[in-house]
């Protein structure tokens, strides 16, 4: 599998409600996740200069831990 996940995988991953979302509930977590990810993608692309290369990394790929995790 490539580093890029399919849109469906992203939606399924995001459809699990965060604690603050679970408090108020959601009638359709899948639709909510799709809307959140679509909005995020639009905002991410809007603030990018045309010649900018976006790197997609996780936090463990961007920093060197100074202490062992708890």
PDB file of N, CA and C in Angstrom:
ATOM      1  N   UNK A   1       0.842  -1.187   0.000  1.00  0.00           N
ATOM      2  CA  UNK A   1       0.000   0.000   0.000  1.00  0.00           C
ATOM      3  C   UNK A   1       0.884   1.247   0.000  1.00  0.00           C
ATOM      4  N   UNK A   2       0.491   2.249  -0.735  1.00  0.00           N
ATOM      5  CA  UNK A   2       1.286   3.467  -0.821  1.00  0.00           C
ATOM      6  C   UNK A   2       1.059   4.353   0.402  1.00  0.00           C
ATOM      7  N   UNK A   3       1.870   5.418   0.493  1.00  0.00           N
ATOM      8  CA  UNK A   3       1.719   6.353   1.600  1.00  0.00           C
ATOM      9  C   UNK A   3       0.384   7.085   1.530  1.00  0.00           C
ATOM     10  N   UNK A   4      -0.121   7.286   0.315  1.00  0.00           N
ATOM     11  CA  UNK A   4      -1.401   7.971   0.143  1.00  0.00           C
ATOM     12  C   UNK A   4      -2.527   6.976   0.403  1.00  0.00           C
ATOM     13  N   UNK A   5      -3.359   7.287   1.374  1.00  0.00           N
ATOM     14  CA  UNK A   5      -4.494   6.419   1.648  1.00  0.00           C
ATOM     15  C   UNK A   5      -5.665   6.838   0.777  1.00  0.00           C
ATOM     16  N   UNK A   6      -6.517   5.887   0.468  1.00  0.00           N
ATOM     17  CA  UNK A   6      -7.696   6.210  -0.328  1.00  0.00           C
ATOM     18  C   UNK A   6      -8.616   7.117   0.473  1.00  0.00           C
ATOM     19  N   UNK A   7      -9.451   7.850  -0.235  1.00  0.00           N
ATOM     20  CA  UNK A   7     -10.402   8.734   0.434  1.00  0.00           C
ATOM     21  C   UNK A   7     -11.294   7.950   1.388  1.00  0.00           C
ATOM     22  N   UNK A   8     -11.726   6.757   0.982  1.00  0.00           N
ATOM     23  CA  UNK A   8     -12.590   5.951   1.849  1.00  0.00           C
ATOM     24  C   UNK A   8     -11.862   5.555   3.129  1.00  0.00           C
ATOM     25  N   UNK A   9     -10.596   5.198   3.032  1.00  0.00           N
ATOM     26  CA  UNK A   9      -9.814   4.852   4.228  1.00  0.00           C
ATOM     27  C   UNK A   9      -9.704   6.054   5.160  1.00  0.00           C
ATOM     28  N   UNK A  10      -9.478   7.226   4.578  1.00  0.00           N
ATOM     29  CA  UNK A  10      -9.372   8.450   5.392  1.00  0.00           C
ATOM     30  C   UNK A  10     -10.691   8.720   6.110  1.00  0.00           C
ATOM     31  N   UNK A  11     -11.805   8.592   5.389  1.00  0.00           N
ATOM     32  CA  UNK A  11     -13.121   8.857   5.991  1.00  0.00           C
ATOM     33  C   UNK A  11     -13.391   7.862   7.108  1.00  0.00           C
ATOM     34  N   UNK A  12     -13.134   6.587   6.847  1.00  0.00           N
ATOM     35  CA  UNK A  12     -13.378   5.572   7.883  1.00  0.00           C
ATOM     36  C   UNK A  12     -12.531   5.824   9.120  1.00  0.00           C
ATOM     37  N   UNK A  13     -11.290   6.241   8.917  1.00  0.00           N
ATOM     38  CA  UNK A  13     -10.410   6.528  10.042  1.00  0.00           C
ATOM     39  C   UNK A  13     -10.922   7.726  10.848  1.00  0.00           C
ATOM     40  N   UNK A  14     -11.397   8.757  10.153  1.00  0.00           N
ATOM     41  CA  UNK A  14     -11.856   9.989  10.821  1.00  0.00           C
ATOM     42  C   UNK A  14     -13.273   9.857  11.372  1.00  0.00           C
ATOM     43  N   UNK A  15     -14.024   8.853  10.925  1.00  0.00           N
ATOM     44  CA  UNK A  15     -15.423   8.706  11.347  1.00  0.00           C
ATOM     45  C   UNK A  15     -15.558   8.315  12.814  1.00  0.00           C
ATOM     46  N   UNK A  16     -14.468   7.844  13.423  1.00  0.00           N
ATOM     47  CA  UNK A  16     -14.523   7.558  14.861  1.00  0.00           C
ATOM     48  C   UNK A  16     -14.536   8.897  15.589  1.00  0.00           C
ATOM     49  N   UNK A  17     -15.609   9.135  16.339  1.00  0.00           N
ATOM     50  CA  UNK A  17     -15.786  10.437  16.973  1.00  0.00           C
ATOM     51  C   UNK A  17     -14.727  10.706  18.031  1.00  0.00           C
ATOM     52  N   UNK A  18     -14.243  11.942  18.030  1.00  0.00           N
ATOM     53  CA  UNK A  18     -13.349  12.403  19.081  1.00  0.00           C
ATOM     54  C   UNK A  18     -14.163  12.552  20.361  1.00  0.00           C
ATOM     55  N   UNK A  19     -13.516  12.546  21.532  1.00  0.00           N
ATOM     56  CA  UNK A  19     -14.271  12.640  22.786  1.00  0.00           C
ATOM     57  C   UNK A  19     -15.236  13.827  22.827  1.00  0.00           C
ATOM     58  N   UNK A  20     -14.776  14.993  22.366  1.00  0.00           N
ATOM     59  CA  UNK A  20     -15.658  16.161  22.408  1.00  0.00           C
ATOM     60  C   UNK A  20     -16.802  16.049  21.405  1.00  0.00           C
ATOM     61  N   UNK A  21     -16.609  15.300  20.331  1.00  0.00           N
ATOM     62  CA  UNK A  21     -17.680  15.071  19.366  1.00  0.00           C
ATOM     63  C   UNK A  21     -18.677  14.052  19.901  1.00  0.00           C
ATOM     64  N   UNK A  22     -18.164  13.050  20.612  1.00  0.00           N
ATOM     65  CA  UNK A  22     -19.028  12.014  21.163  1.00  0.00           C
ATOM     66  C   UNK A  22     -19.995  12.586  22.198  1.00  0.00           C
ATOM     67  N   UNK A  23     -19.574  13.634  22.904  1.00  0.00           N
ATOM     68  CA  UNK A  23     -20.438  14.259  23.912  1.00  0.00           C
ATOM     69  C   UNK A  23     -21.733  14.764  23.283  1.00  0.00           C
ATOM     70  N   UNK A  24     -21.618  15.397  22.117  1.00  0.00           N
ATOM     71  CA  UNK A  24     -22.812  15.931  21.451  1.00  0.00           C
ATOM     72  C   UNK A  24     -23.385  14.961  20.436  1.00  0.00           C
ATOM     73  N   UNK A  25     -22.623  13.935  20.069  1.00  0.00           N
ATOM     74  CA  UNK A  25     -23.107  12.911  19.152  1.00  0.00           C
ATOM     75  C   UNK A  25     -23.051  13.346  17.701  1.00  0.00           C
ATOM     76  N   UNK A  26     -23.388  12.415  16.835  1.00  0.00           N
ATOM     77  CA  UNK A  26     -23.413  12.684  15.408  1.00  0.00           C
ATOM     78  C   UNK A  26     -24.440  11.761  14.771  1.00  0.00           C
ATOM     79  N   UNK A  27     -25.316  12.324  13.957  1.00  0.00           N
ATOM     80  CA  UNK A  27     -26.316  11.505  13.269  1.00  0.00           C
ATOM     81  C   UNK A  27     -25.675  10.671  12.166  1.00  0.00           C
ATOM     82  N   UNK A  28     -24.596  11.180  11.572  1.00  0.00           N
ATOM     83  CA  UNK A  28     -23.944  10.472  10.471  1.00  0.00           C
ATOM     84  C   UNK A  28     -22.437  10.718  10.527  1.00  0.00           C
ATOM     85  N   UNK A  29     -21.712   9.921  11.326  1.00  0.00           N
ATOM     86  CA  UNK A  29     -20.274  10.129  11.470  1.00  0.00           C
ATOM     87  C   UNK A  29     -19.515  10.051  10.146  1.00  0.00           C
ATOM     88  N   UNK A  30     -19.954   9.195   9.223  1.00  0.00           N
ATOM     89  CA  UNK A  30     -19.278   9.073   7.928  1.00  0.00           C
ATOM     90  C   UNK A  30     -19.381  10.376   7.140  1.00  0.00           C
ATOM     91  N   UNK A  31     -20.582  10.949   7.070  1.00  0.00           N
ATOM     92  CA  UNK A  31     -20.771  12.214   6.344  1.00  0.00           C
ATOM     93  C   UNK A  31     -20.018  13.339   7.030  1.00  0.00           C
ATOM     94  N   UNK A  32     -20.024  13.342   8.352  1.00  0.00           N
ATOM     95  CA  UNK A  32     -19.295  14.357   9.110  1.00  0.00           C
ATOM     96  C   UNK A  32     -17.796  14.252   8.817  1.00  0.00           C
ATOM     97  N   UNK A  33     -17.251  13.041   8.827  1.00  0.00           N
ATOM     98  CA  UNK A  33     -15.837  12.835   8.538  1.00  0.00           C
ATOM     99  C   UNK A  33     -15.502  13.286   7.119  1.00  0.00           C
ATOM    100  N   UNK A  34     -16.357  12.958   6.160  1.00  0.00           N
ATOM    101  CA  UNK A  34     -16.125  13.360   4.766  1.00  0.00           C
ATOM    102  C   UNK A  34     -16.087  14.881   4.654  1.00  0.00           C
ATOM    103  N   UNK A  35     -17.014  15.561   5.316  1.00  0.00           N
ATOM    104  CA  UNK A  35     -17.058  17.027   5.262  1.00  0.00           C
ATOM    105  C   UNK A  35     -15.814  17.643   5.918  1.00  0.00           C
ATOM    106  N   UNK A  36     -15.393  17.106   7.034  1.00  0.00           N
ATOM    107  CA  UNK A  36     -14.212  17.619   7.735  1.00  0.00           C
ATOM    108  C   UNK A  36     -12.962  17.450   6.878  1.00  0.00           C
ATOM    109  N   UNK A  37     -12.795  16.280   6.282  1.00  0.00           N
ATOM    110  CA  UNK A  37     -11.607  16.024   5.460  1.00  0.00           C
ATOM    111  C   UNK A  37     -11.618  16.845   4.173  1.00  0.00           C
ATOM    112  N   UNK A  38     -12.780  17.022   3.571  1.00  0.00           N
ATOM    113  CA  UNK A  38     -12.891  17.846   2.362  1.00  0.00           C
ATOM    114  C   UNK A  38     -12.500  19.281   2.680  1.00  0.00           C
ATOM    115  N   UNK A  39     -13.024  19.814   3.782  1.00  0.00           N
ATOM    116  CA  UNK A  39     -12.691  21.174   4.193  1.00  0.00           C
ATOM    117  C   UNK A  39     -11.194  21.304   4.480  1.00  0.00           C
ATOM    118  N   UNK A  40     -10.636  20.318   5.138  1.00  0.00           N
ATOM    119  CA  UNK A  40      -9.209  20.336   5.446  1.00  0.00           C
ATOM    120  C   UNK A  40      -8.368  20.339   4.172  1.00  0.00           C
ATOM    121  N   UNK A  41      -8.749  19.515   3.202  1.00  0.00           N
ATOM    122  CA  UNK A  41      -8.018  19.462   1.936  1.00  0.00           C
ATOM    123  C   UNK A  41      -8.082  20.792   1.202  1.00  0.00           C
ATOM    124  N   UNK A  42      -9.240  21.420   1.201  1.00  0.00           N
ATOM    125  CA  UNK A  42      -9.404  22.714   0.527  1.00  0.00           C
ATOM    126  C   UNK A  42      -8.525  23.764   1.189  1.00  0.00           C
ATOM    127  N   UNK A  43      -8.553  23.836   2.523  1.00  0.00           N
ATOM    128  CA  UNK A  43      -7.744  24.830   3.235  1.00  0.00           C
ATOM    129  C   UNK A  43      -6.257  24.567   3.055  1.00  0.00           C
ATOM    130  N   UNK A  44      -5.859  23.311   3.032  1.00  0.00           N
ATOM    131  CA  UNK A  44      -4.455  22.970   2.852  1.00  0.00           C
ATOM    132  C   UNK A  44      -3.960  23.436   1.488  1.00  0.00           C
ATOM    133  N   UNK A  45      -4.733  23.225   0.454  1.00  0.00           N
ATOM    134  CA  UNK A  45      -4.337  23.603  -0.900  1.00  0.00           C
ATOM    135  C   UNK A  45      -4.408  25.110  -1.128  1.00  0.00           C
ATOM    136  N   UNK A  46      -5.338  25.779  -0.487  1.00  0.00           N
ATOM    137  CA  UNK A  46      -5.550  27.212  -0.698  1.00  0.00           C
ATOM    138  C   UNK A  46      -4.348  28.045  -0.246  1.00  0.00           C
ATOM    139  N   UNK A  47      -3.668  27.611   0.799  1.00  0.00           N
ATOM    140  CA  UNK A  47      -2.573  28.396   1.359  1.00  0.00           C
ATOM    141  C   UNK A  47      -1.205  27.935   0.859  1.00  0.00           C
ATOM    142  N   UNK A  48      -1.194  27.201  -0.231  1.00  0.00           N
ATOM    143  CA  UNK A  48       0.050  26.679  -0.774  1.00  0.00           C
ATOM    144  C   UNK A  48       0.431  27.442  -2.036  1.00  0.00           C
ATOM    145  N   UNK A  49       1.652  27.914  -2.083  1.00  0.00           N
ATOM    146  CA  UNK A  49       2.148  28.577  -3.287  1.00  0.00           C
ATOM    147  C   UNK A  49       2.236  27.549  -4.409  1.00  0.00           C
ATOM    148  N   UNK A  50       2.037  27.974  -5.642  1.00  0.00           N
ATOM    149  CA  UNK A  50       2.018  27.027  -6.768  1.00  0.00           C
ATOM    150  C   UNK A  50       3.273  26.164  -6.880  1.00  0.00           C
ATOM    151  N   UNK A  51       4.430  26.687  -6.508  1.00  0.00           N
ATOM    152  CA  UNK A  51       5.661  25.911  -6.641  1.00  0.00           C
ATOM    153  C   UNK A  51       6.084  25.210  -5.345  1.00  0.00           C
ATOM    154  N   UNK A  52       5.192  25.159  -4.371  1.00  0.00           N
ATOM    155  CA  UNK A  52       5.500  24.542  -3.086  1.00  0.00           C
ATOM    156  C   UNK A  52       5.277  23.038  -3.143  1.00  0.00           C
ATOM    157  N   UNK A  53       6.211  22.288  -2.589  1.00  0.00           N
ATOM    158  CA  UNK A  53       6.076  20.846  -2.479  1.00  0.00           C
ATOM    159  C   UNK A  53       5.580  20.536  -1.070  1.00  0.00           C
ATOM    160  N   UNK A  54       4.405  19.917  -0.966  1.00  0.00           N
ATOM    161  CA  UNK A  54       3.880  19.535   0.335  1.00  0.00           C
ATOM    162  C   UNK A  54       4.406  18.164   0.710  1.00  0.00           C
ATOM    163  N   UNK A  55       4.982  18.066   1.890  1.00  0.00           N
ATOM    164  CA  UNK A  55       5.434  16.778   2.393  1.00  0.00           C
ATOM    165  C   UNK A  55       4.427  16.278   3.411  1.00  0.00           C
ATOM    166  N   UNK A  56       4.117  15.033   3.324  1.00  0.00           N
ATOM    167  CA  UNK A  56       3.180  14.436   4.268  1.00  0.00           C
ATOM    168  C   UNK A  56       3.969  13.468   5.144  1.00  0.00           C
ATOM    169  N   UNK A  57       4.166  13.892   6.399  1.00  0.00           N
ATOM    170  CA  UNK A  57       4.911  13.061   7.331  1.00  0.00           C
ATOM    171  C   UNK A  57       4.153  12.994   8.646  1.00  0.00           C
ATOM    172  N   UNK A  58       4.406  11.952   9.384  1.00  0.00           N
ATOM    173  CA  UNK A  58       3.836  11.841  10.718  1.00  0.00           C
ATOM    174  C   UNK A  58       4.802  12.473  11.706  1.00  0.00           C
ATOM    175  N   UNK A  59       4.344  12.749  12.901  1.00  0.00           N
ATOM    176  CA  UNK A  59       5.189  13.424  13.884  1.00  0.00           C
ATOM    177  C   UNK A  59       6.441  12.619  14.213  1.00  0.00           C
ATOM    178  N   UNK A  60       6.361  11.305  14.206  1.00  0.00           N
ATOM    179  CA  UNK A  60       7.553  10.520  14.521  1.00  0.00           C
ATOM    180  C   UNK A  60       8.587  10.572  13.398  1.00  0.00           C
ATOM    181  N   UNK A  61       8.211  11.052  12.218  1.00  0.00           N
ATOM    182  CA  UNK A  61       9.149  11.194  11.117  1.00  0.00           C
ATOM    183  C   UNK A  61       9.781  12.585  11.078  1.00  0.00           C
ATOM    184  N   UNK A  62       9.306  13.513  11.886  1.00  0.00           N
ATOM    185  CA  UNK A  62       9.777  14.885  11.798  1.00  0.00           C
ATOM    186  C   UNK A  62      10.656  15.330  12.956  1.00  0.00           C
ATOM    187  N   UNK A  63      10.655  14.603  14.045  1.00  0.00           N
ATOM    188  CA  UNK A  63      11.447  15.008  15.210  1.00  0.00           C
ATOM    189  C   UNK A  63      12.245  13.833  15.740  1.00  0.00           C
ATOM    190  N   UNK A  64      13.337  14.167  16.392  1.00  0.00           N
ATOM    191  CA  UNK A  64      14.120  13.137  17.073  1.00  0.00           C
ATOM    192  C   UNK A  64      13.785  13.236  18.552  1.00  0.00           C
ATOM    193  N   UNK A  65      13.220  12.182  19.119  1.00  0.00           N
ATOM    194  CA  UNK A  65      12.858  12.241  20.544  1.00  0.00           C
ATOM    195  C   UNK A  65      14.073  12.495  21.411  1.00  0.00           C
ATOM    196  N   UNK A  66      13.957  13.402  22.367  1.00  0.00           N
ATOM    197  CA  UNK A  66      15.057  13.679  23.269  1.00  0.00           C
ATOM    198  C   UNK A  66      14.970  12.790  24.508  1.00  0.00           C
ATOM    199  N   UNK A  67      13.798  12.239  24.757  1.00  0.00           N
ATOM    200  CA  UNK A  67      13.604  11.343  25.894  1.00  0.00           C
ATOM    201  C   UNK A  67      12.830  10.122  25.424  1.00  0.00           C
ATOM    202  N   UNK A  68      13.021   8.991  26.080  1.00  0.00           N
ATOM    203  CA  UNK A  68      12.205   7.836  25.735  1.00  0.00           C
ATOM    204  C   UNK A  68      10.747   8.096  26.137  1.00  0.00           C
ATOM    205  N   UNK A  69       9.798   7.559  25.373  1.00  0.00           N
ATOM    206  CA  UNK A  69       8.384   7.759  25.723  1.00  0.00           C
ATOM    207  C   UNK A  69       8.056   7.108  27.056  1.00  0.00           C
ATOM    208  N   UNK A  70       7.042   7.637  27.711  1.00  0.00           N
ATOM    209  CA  UNK A  70       6.604   7.073  29.008  1.00  0.00           C
ATOM    210  C   UNK A  70       5.984   5.717  28.824  1.00  0.00           C
TER     211      UNK A  70
END
